[in-house]
Amino acid sequence: MMWIALAALVCALLPCLLFLCNLLYFAEPPQPDADDGRPKISVLIPARNEELSIGAAVESVLRSTGVDLELIVLDDASTDGTADVVRAHARKDARLRLATAPPLPEGWNGKQHACYVLGGLARYELLCFLDADVRLAPRALARMVAFQRKSGAALVSGFPRQETKTLLEWLLLPLIHFVLLGFLPLAMMRRYATSPGFAAGCGQFMLTDRHAYLRSCGHSAIRTTMHDGLLLPQRYRSVGLRTDLADLTHLATCRMYRSAPEVWRGLGKNATEGLAAPARIGPFTLLLGLGQVLPLPLLVWMLWNGAGAMHSLPAACAAAAVAAGYLPRVVASWRYQQSWRSVLLHPLGIAVLLVLQWVSLMRKLLGVQATWKERAYSAG
């Protein structure tokens, strides 16, 4: 029992300490300098069946200040009123134009193809790829451009505040920050700025310049994949380009999914390109299972069976592991405006996340297809 409790403590402490250290590096983008002028930027939104969200996304972009922009929305064979909503807004603002995606070529993921097409339509040198469910604050674009300039990175991405309303949304989506800051050393990410092993990003908001995008081959280099948030930064780094991350909690919001089935399908569709990759899933299951799921039931079991008296070293280790597991979630809830319900059910959330990863891997190994936006892809 002592060795189990000690292993749980070590596995809980490692991500806890790294999370706390990373708070120094994961910051909001800076304010632009007075002499930065008004950068010209093309905001590019791929949209497939986004009738419910595209209007608010367009309006938030057009309210941007401190930049000169064009906004291009690519209607990717939508079967709802997405195009009609965009047309209505385009009639009121000449900065917005609607484009129609060509047929999806064989071997391409839908989003990667749409982004690739958008990159070719853009007029300006700065390209911002934005998901249709993201809402920007007026200064978000200007500050991210300032961040890119000051960081020297060819590609920067930002993590918006995730709006969560249904059970699986608030149980799982706040874990994005926990996994990012608990397992990626941001100091090393910046020190080894072109190492693909330290690549990370958020596909909801990515800003780059045209020269770097062409040098990396952009989305065409990851055409068969579904996880551009991770794989596009990896591609940039593999050709010697720097990438970086910023916190957009107070500058952008996103309602990624709207129901439990959407959460499950959405997180599972690209899981094997992330945590559920065959080389990663074993170590992550061990670290998360021992450090985040086991400590609380282990401590309760010890107390229930009388093994958890104050003088019991195993109980002390288990209690410390519980505290180390919860501390990052408490801090994240305050700093990134996350649901307290998710914090309280943290071990359950991690357990569900691990089940989702293994289900995704099994589906991929069995050749089961994943369906997203009414298109079928290889699972994971």
Protein backbone atom coordinates (compact mmCIF):
# COMPACT_ATOMS: atom_id res chain seq x y z
CA MET A 1 0.00 0.00 0.00
CA MET A 2 2.86 2.36 0.79
CA TRP A 3 4.36 1.95 -2.67
CA ILE A 4 1.00 2.53 -4.37
CA ALA A 5 0.40 5.70 -2.38
CA LEU A 6 3.94 6.92 -3.08
CA ALA A 7 3.58 6.25 -6.81
CA ALA A 8 0.28 8.14 -6.83
CA LEU A 9 1.94 11.08 -5.09
CA VAL A 10 4.81 11.23 -7.59
CA CYS A 11 2.44 11.01 -10.57
CA ALA A 12 0.28 13.78 -9.11
CA LEU A 13 3.16 16.06 -8.14
CA LEU A 14 4.85 16.08 -11.55
CA PRO A 15 2.00 17.74 -13.51
CA CYS A 16 1.08 19.91 -10.49
CA LEU A 17 4.53 21.46 -10.24
CA LEU A 18 4.86 21.86 -14.00
CA PHE A 19 1.41 23.47 -14.17
CA LEU A 20 2.37 26.02 -11.52
CA CYS A 21 5.67 26.78 -13.27
CA ASN A 22 3.91 27.19 -16.61
CA LEU A 23 1.68 29.93 -15.20
CA LEU A 24 4.72 32.21 -15.55
CA TYR A 25 4.94 31.53 -19.29
CA PHE A 26 1.33 31.12 -20.44
CA ALA A 27 0.28 34.76 -20.63
CA GLU A 28 -2.06 37.04 -22.49
CA PRO A 29 -0.70 38.67 -25.66
CA PRO A 30 0.78 42.12 -25.04
CA GLN A 31 -0.70 45.45 -25.98
CA PRO A 32 0.60 46.74 -29.34
CA ASP A 33 3.24 49.46 -29.27
CA ALA A 34 2.19 52.91 -30.39
CA ASP A 35 4.46 52.72 -33.44
CA ASP A 36 3.14 49.33 -34.61
CA GLY A 37 0.66 51.03 -36.93
CA ARG A 38 -2.39 49.16 -38.22
CA PRO A 39 -1.33 45.73 -39.45
CA LYS A 40 -3.21 44.29 -42.41
CA ILE A 41 -4.62 40.85 -41.72
CA SER A 42 -6.79 38.31 -43.52
CA VAL A 43 -9.15 36.52 -41.13
CA LEU A 44 -10.10 33.16 -42.62
CA ILE A 45 -13.06 31.13 -41.36
CA PRO A 46 -13.87 27.66 -42.73
CA ALA A 47 -17.59 27.04 -42.26
CA ARG A 48 -19.56 23.87 -42.79
CA ASN A 49 -23.10 23.82 -41.39
CA GLU A 50 -22.42 26.71 -39.01
CA GLU A 51 -25.74 28.55 -39.40
CA LEU A 52 -26.17 28.87 -35.63
CA SER A 53 -22.74 30.32 -34.91
CA ILE A 54 -21.30 32.02 -37.99
CA GLY A 55 -23.25 35.27 -37.59
CA ALA A 56 -21.84 36.01 -34.13
CA ALA A 57 -18.34 35.02 -35.28
CA VAL A 58 -18.48 37.40 -38.25
CA GLU A 59 -19.83 40.25 -36.15
CA SER A 60 -17.07 39.87 -33.55
CA VAL A 61 -14.33 39.94 -36.20
CA LEU A 62 -15.78 43.00 -37.92
CA ARG A 63 -15.76 44.84 -34.57
CA SER A 64 -11.97 44.42 -34.34
CA THR A 65 -9.93 47.55 -33.68
CA GLY A 66 -6.28 48.43 -34.35
CA VAL A 67 -6.04 46.42 -37.59
CA ASP A 68 -7.07 46.70 -41.24
CA LEU A 69 -8.73 43.46 -42.13
CA GLU A 70 -10.50 41.42 -44.70
CA LEU A 71 -12.73 38.57 -43.56
CA ILE A 72 -13.27 35.59 -45.82
CA VAL A 73 -15.76 32.88 -44.90
CA LEU A 74 -15.52 29.69 -46.97
CA ASP A 75 -18.82 27.86 -47.24
CA ASP A 76 -17.70 24.23 -47.33
CA ALA A 77 -20.69 22.51 -48.93
CA SER A 78 -23.05 23.46 -46.10
CA THR A 79 -26.53 21.97 -46.15
CA ASP A 80 -28.02 24.61 -43.85
CA GLY A 81 -28.30 28.40 -44.05
CA THR A 82 -24.63 29.20 -43.41
CA ALA A 83 -24.12 30.94 -46.75
CA ASP A 84 -27.32 32.99 -46.39
CA VAL A 85 -26.23 34.32 -43.00
CA VAL A 86 -22.83 35.36 -44.37
CA ARG A 87 -24.35 37.00 -47.45
CA ALA A 88 -26.63 39.09 -45.25
CA HIS A 89 -23.64 40.39 -43.29
CA ALA A 90 -21.55 40.91 -46.45
CA ARG A 91 -24.19 43.25 -47.85
CA LYS A 92 -23.59 45.52 -44.85
CA ASP A 93 -19.78 45.42 -44.70
CA ALA A 94 -17.47 45.32 -47.73
CA ARG A 95 -14.64 43.84 -45.68
CA LEU A 96 -16.48 40.52 -45.61
CA ARG A 97 -16.75 38.20 -48.56
CA LEU A 98 -18.20 34.74 -48.98
CA ALA A 99 -16.34 32.09 -50.96
CA THR A 100 -17.47 28.64 -51.97
CA ALA A 101 -15.23 25.64 -51.42
CA PRO A 102 -14.39 23.42 -54.40
CA PRO A 103 -15.27 19.73 -54.09
CA LEU A 104 -13.26 17.96 -51.39
CA PRO A 105 -10.40 16.04 -53.05
CA GLU A 106 -9.85 12.44 -52.08
CA GLY A 107 -7.38 12.04 -49.23
CA TRP A 108 -8.10 15.44 -47.66
CA ASN A 109 -9.71 16.24 -44.32
CA GLY A 110 -12.48 18.80 -44.79
CA LYS A 111 -11.15 21.49 -42.48
CA GLN A 112 -7.56 21.20 -43.71
CA HIS A 113 -8.74 21.56 -47.32
CA ALA A 114 -10.94 24.54 -46.47
CA CYS A 115 -8.07 26.29 -44.67
CA TYR A 116 -5.71 25.56 -47.57
CA VAL A 117 -8.19 27.10 -50.02
CA LEU A 118 -8.67 30.11 -47.76
CA GLY A 119 -4.92 30.65 -47.61
CA GLY A 120 -4.89 30.99 -51.38
CA LEU A 121 -7.75 33.50 -51.36
CA ALA A 122 -6.22 35.86 -48.78
CA ARG A 123 -4.93 39.26 -49.97
CA TYR A 124 -2.82 40.21 -46.96
CA GLU A 125 0.45 38.78 -45.67
CA LEU A 126 -0.86 38.00 -42.18
CA LEU A 127 -3.25 35.06 -42.07
CA CYS A 128 -5.52 34.29 -39.12
CA PHE A 129 -7.32 30.95 -39.26
CA LEU A 130 -10.35 31.16 -37.00
CA ASP A 131 -13.00 28.57 -36.15
CA ALA A 132 -16.60 29.56 -36.78
CA ASP A 133 -17.55 29.13 -33.12
CA VAL A 134 -14.98 31.63 -31.79
CA ARG A 135 -15.97 35.12 -30.67
CA LEU A 136 -13.20 37.72 -30.55
CA ALA A 137 -12.86 40.77 -28.33
CA PRO A 138 -12.18 43.96 -30.34
CA ARG A 139 -8.45 44.06 -29.46
CA ALA A 140 -7.78 40.33 -29.85
CA LEU A 141 -6.36 40.49 -33.38
CA ALA A 142 -4.15 43.51 -32.75
CA ARG A 143 -2.73 41.97 -29.58
CA MET A 144 -2.04 38.62 -31.22
CA VAL A 145 -0.19 40.37 -34.03
CA ALA A 146 1.87 42.18 -31.39
CA PHE A 147 2.53 38.84 -29.70
CA GLN A 148 3.72 37.26 -32.94
CA ARG A 149 6.08 40.15 -33.63
CA LYS A 150 7.56 40.19 -30.13
CA SER A 151 7.88 36.41 -29.85
CA GLY A 152 9.59 36.06 -33.24
CA ALA A 153 7.39 33.03 -33.94
CA ALA A 154 6.18 32.22 -37.44
CA LEU A 155 2.98 30.71 -36.06
CA VAL A 156 1.18 31.69 -32.87
CA SER A 157 -2.03 30.24 -31.55
CA GLY A 158 -4.32 31.24 -28.72
CA PHE A 159 -6.55 29.32 -26.33
CA PRO A 160 -9.98 31.00 -25.94
CA ARG A 161 -12.18 30.63 -22.88
CA GLN A 162 -14.33 27.55 -23.44
CA GLU A 163 -18.04 28.02 -22.84
CA THR A 164 -19.43 24.82 -21.31
CA LYS A 165 -23.09 24.16 -20.54
CA THR A 166 -23.87 20.46 -20.80
CA LEU A 167 -22.41 17.71 -18.60
CA LEU A 168 -19.64 16.38 -20.83
CA GLU A 169 -18.71 19.92 -21.89
CA TRP A 170 -17.92 21.16 -18.39
CA LEU A 171 -16.55 17.79 -17.31
CA LEU A 172 -14.02 17.36 -20.15
CA LEU A 173 -13.27 20.63 -21.96
CA PRO A 174 -11.56 22.37 -18.99
CA LEU A 175 -9.02 19.54 -19.08
CA ILE A 176 -7.50 21.21 -22.16
CA HIS A 177 -5.62 23.61 -19.89
CA PHE A 178 -4.75 20.90 -17.37
CA VAL A 179 -3.16 18.67 -20.00
CA LEU A 180 -1.44 21.54 -21.80
CA LEU A 181 0.11 23.17 -18.74
CA GLY A 182 0.58 19.98 -16.75
CA PHE A 183 2.55 18.07 -19.37
CA LEU A 184 4.19 20.59 -21.74
CA PRO A 185 7.13 22.55 -20.29
CA LEU A 186 6.59 25.95 -21.88
CA ALA A 187 10.09 27.13 -20.97
CA MET A 188 11.51 24.24 -22.99
CA MET A 189 8.99 24.88 -25.77
CA ARG A 190 10.41 28.38 -26.18
CA ARG A 191 14.05 27.42 -25.62
CA TYR A 192 13.86 24.67 -28.23
CA ALA A 193 11.58 26.73 -30.44
CA THR A 194 11.94 24.57 -33.56
CA SER A 195 11.76 21.14 -31.91
CA PRO A 196 8.62 19.27 -33.07
CA GLY A 197 8.58 17.37 -29.77
CA PHE A 198 7.58 20.56 -27.94
CA ALA A 199 4.95 21.65 -30.46
CA ALA A 200 1.46 22.58 -29.31
CA GLY A 201 -1.32 24.83 -30.47
CA CYS A 202 -5.04 25.47 -30.62
CA GLY A 203 -6.76 25.10 -33.97
CA GLN A 204 -9.47 27.55 -32.92
CA PHE A 205 -7.13 30.54 -33.42
CA MET A 206 -3.91 30.39 -35.44
CA LEU A 207 -1.97 33.37 -36.77
CA THR A 208 0.88 33.13 -39.25
CA ASP A 209 2.43 35.01 -42.15
CA ARG A 210 2.11 33.96 -45.76
CA HIS A 211 5.84 33.31 -46.30
CA ALA A 212 6.02 30.90 -43.37
CA TYR A 213 2.74 29.26 -44.38
CA LEU A 214 4.06 28.57 -47.88
CA ARG A 215 7.45 27.43 -46.60
CA SER A 216 5.80 24.86 -44.35
CA CYS A 217 3.27 23.90 -47.08
CA GLY A 218 0.62 24.83 -44.52
CA HIS A 219 -2.48 22.69 -44.29
CA SER A 220 -1.56 20.75 -47.41
CA ALA A 221 1.25 19.15 -45.39
CA ILE A 222 -1.31 17.72 -42.92
CA ARG A 223 -4.10 17.09 -45.42
CA THR A 224 -5.03 13.62 -44.14
CA THR A 225 -5.10 14.57 -40.46
CA MET A 226 -7.78 16.04 -38.19
CA HIS A 227 -5.74 17.71 -35.42
CA ASP A 228 -4.36 20.92 -36.93
CA GLY A 229 -3.94 22.43 -33.47
CA LEU A 230 -1.07 20.03 -32.78
CA LEU A 231 0.09 18.95 -36.21
CA LEU A 232 0.39 22.33 -37.92
CA PRO A 233 2.80 23.63 -35.24
CA GLN A 234 4.71 20.35 -35.54
CA ARG A 235 4.98 20.88 -39.29
CA TYR A 236 6.25 24.45 -38.84
CA ARG A 237 8.90 23.32 -36.40
CA SER A 238 9.98 20.43 -38.63
CA VAL A 239 11.05 22.97 -41.29
CA GLY A 240 12.85 25.19 -38.78
CA LEU A 241 10.09 27.69 -37.97
CA ARG A 242 9.24 28.86 -34.46
CA THR A 243 5.80 28.53 -32.87
CA ASP A 244 4.34 29.92 -29.65
CA LEU A 245 1.19 30.00 -27.51
CA ALA A 246 -0.88 32.69 -25.79
CA ASP A 247 -3.75 32.80 -23.33
CA LEU A 248 -6.91 34.29 -24.87
CA THR A 249 -9.20 33.75 -21.89
CA HIS A 250 -10.15 37.43 -21.73
CA LEU A 251 -9.93 38.07 -25.47
CA ALA A 252 -11.93 35.23 -27.06
CA THR A 253 -14.63 32.70 -26.23
CA CYS A 254 -15.62 29.46 -27.92
CA ARG A 255 -18.58 27.11 -27.61
CA MET A 256 -16.86 24.13 -29.17
CA TYR A 257 -19.67 21.58 -28.78
CA ARG A 258 -23.32 21.77 -27.80
CA SER A 259 -24.25 18.27 -26.60
CA ALA A 260 -22.74 15.17 -25.04
CA PRO A 261 -22.67 13.22 -28.34
CA GLU A 262 -20.89 16.15 -30.02
CA VAL A 263 -18.30 16.29 -27.23
CA TRP A 264 -17.64 12.56 -27.47
CA ARG A 265 -17.40 12.52 -31.27
CA GLY A 266 -15.50 15.79 -31.44
CA LEU A 267 -12.80 14.84 -28.94
CA GLY A 268 -12.62 11.28 -30.17
CA LYS A 269 -12.26 12.02 -33.88
CA ASN A 270 -8.63 13.16 -33.58
CA ALA A 271 -7.60 11.60 -30.26
CA THR A 272 -5.05 9.22 -31.80
CA GLU A 273 -3.21 12.23 -33.21
CA GLY A 274 -2.82 13.49 -29.63
CA LEU A 275 -3.02 11.72 -26.27
CA ALA A 276 -4.29 8.46 -27.76
CA ALA A 277 -1.34 8.03 -30.11
CA PRO A 278 -0.02 4.47 -29.56
CA ALA A 279 3.31 5.77 -28.23
CA ARG A 280 1.65 8.19 -25.79
CA ILE A 281 -1.47 6.50 -24.49
CA GLY A 282 0.33 4.05 -22.19
CA PRO A 283 2.47 6.61 -20.33
CA PHE A 284 -0.43 9.09 -20.13
CA THR A 285 -2.79 6.42 -18.80
CA LEU A 286 -0.25 5.53 -16.11
CA LEU A 287 0.42 9.15 -15.14
CA LEU A 288 -3.20 10.27 -15.19
CA GLY A 289 -4.61 7.09 -13.70
CA LEU A 290 -2.18 6.92 -10.79
CA GLY A 291 -1.89 10.66 -10.21
CA GLN A 292 -5.42 11.95 -10.84
CA VAL A 293 -7.95 9.11 -10.67
CA LEU A 294 -6.58 6.80 -7.96
CA PRO A 295 -5.63 9.13 -5.04
CA LEU A 296 -9.14 10.14 -3.90
CA PRO A 297 -10.69 6.64 -3.86
CA LEU A 298 -7.46 5.30 -2.33
CA LEU A 299 -7.62 7.85 0.50
CA VAL A 300 -11.33 7.17 1.10
CA TRP A 301 -10.63 3.43 1.20
CA MET A 302 -7.82 3.91 3.72
CA LEU A 303 -9.97 6.08 5.98
CA TRP A 304 -12.90 3.70 5.71
CA ASN A 305 -10.74 0.72 6.68
CA GLY A 306 -8.95 2.45 9.52
CA ALA A 307 -5.64 2.58 7.68
CA GLY A 308 -5.79 6.32 7.35
CA ALA A 309 -4.98 7.46 10.87
CA MET A 310 -2.92 10.63 11.12
CA HIS A 311 0.24 8.64 11.79
CA SER A 312 -0.18 6.55 8.62
CA LEU A 313 2.43 7.47 6.01
CA PRO A 314 0.48 5.86 3.13
CA ALA A 315 -2.58 7.94 4.04
CA ALA A 316 -0.46 11.08 4.18
CA CYS A 317 0.93 10.31 0.72
CA ALA A 318 -2.56 9.68 -0.61
CA ALA A 319 -3.85 12.93 0.90
CA ALA A 320 -0.93 14.85 -0.59
CA ALA A 321 -1.62 13.26 -3.96
CA VAL A 322 -5.27 14.35 -3.76
CA ALA A 323 -4.18 17.91 -2.98
CA ALA A 324 -1.62 17.90 -5.81
CA GLY A 325 -4.25 16.69 -8.24
CA TYR A 326 -6.83 19.29 -7.28
CA LEU A 327 -4.54 22.33 -6.92
CA PRO A 328 -3.99 22.92 -10.67
CA ARG A 329 -7.72 22.57 -11.30
CA VAL A 330 -8.58 25.10 -8.59
CA VAL A 331 -6.05 27.57 -10.01
CA ALA A 332 -7.26 26.95 -13.57
CA SER A 333 -10.89 27.46 -12.58
CA TRP A 334 -10.04 30.89 -11.21
CA ARG A 335 -7.54 31.98 -13.86
CA TYR A 336 -9.26 30.57 -16.96
CA GLN A 337 -12.87 31.01 -15.82
CA GLN A 338 -13.72 27.31 -15.73
CA SER A 339 -16.64 25.53 -14.09
CA TRP A 340 -16.26 24.64 -10.41
CA ARG A 341 -18.35 21.52 -11.05
CA SER A 342 -15.54 20.26 -13.27
CA VAL A 343 -13.04 20.89 -10.47
CA LEU A 344 -15.07 18.93 -7.92
CA LEU A 345 -15.44 15.97 -10.30
CA HIS A 346 -11.83 16.11 -11.49
CA PRO A 347 -11.03 12.36 -10.97
CA LEU A 348 -14.19 11.40 -12.83
CA GLY A 349 -13.37 13.78 -15.67
CA ILE A 350 -9.89 12.27 -16.05
CA ALA A 351 -11.34 8.76 -15.99
CA VAL A 352 -13.86 9.61 -18.72
CA LEU A 353 -11.09 11.28 -20.75
CA LEU A 354 -8.97 8.12 -20.55
CA VAL A 355 -11.90 5.93 -21.59
CA LEU A 356 -12.46 8.22 -24.59
CA GLN A 357 -8.79 7.93 -25.59
CA TRP A 358 -8.80 4.13 -25.45
CA VAL A 359 -12.12 3.88 -27.32
CA SER A 360 -10.68 6.11 -30.04
CA LEU A 361 -7.56 3.99 -30.32
CA MET A 362 -9.56 0.76 -30.47
CA ARG A 363 -11.80 2.20 -33.18
CA LYS A 364 -8.77 3.20 -35.19
CA LEU A 365 -7.15 -0.22 -34.82
CA LEU A 366 -10.41 -1.87 -35.90
CA GLY A 367 -10.71 0.43 -38.91
CA VAL A 368 -13.98 2.00 -37.74
CA GLN A 369 -14.71 5.30 -39.46
CA ALA A 370 -15.44 8.51 -37.58
CA THR A 371 -18.13 10.87 -38.85
CA TRP A 372 -17.79 14.63 -38.43
CA LYS A 373 -19.73 17.37 -40.18
CA GLU A 374 -21.49 14.65 -42.20
CA ARG A 375 -18.19 13.36 -43.59
CA ALA A 376 -16.60 10.01 -42.82
CA TYR A 377 -12.92 9.69 -41.92
CA SER A 378 -10.64 7.03 -40.55
CA ALA A 379 -11.20 7.01 -36.77
CA GLY A 380 -8.76 9.10 -34.78
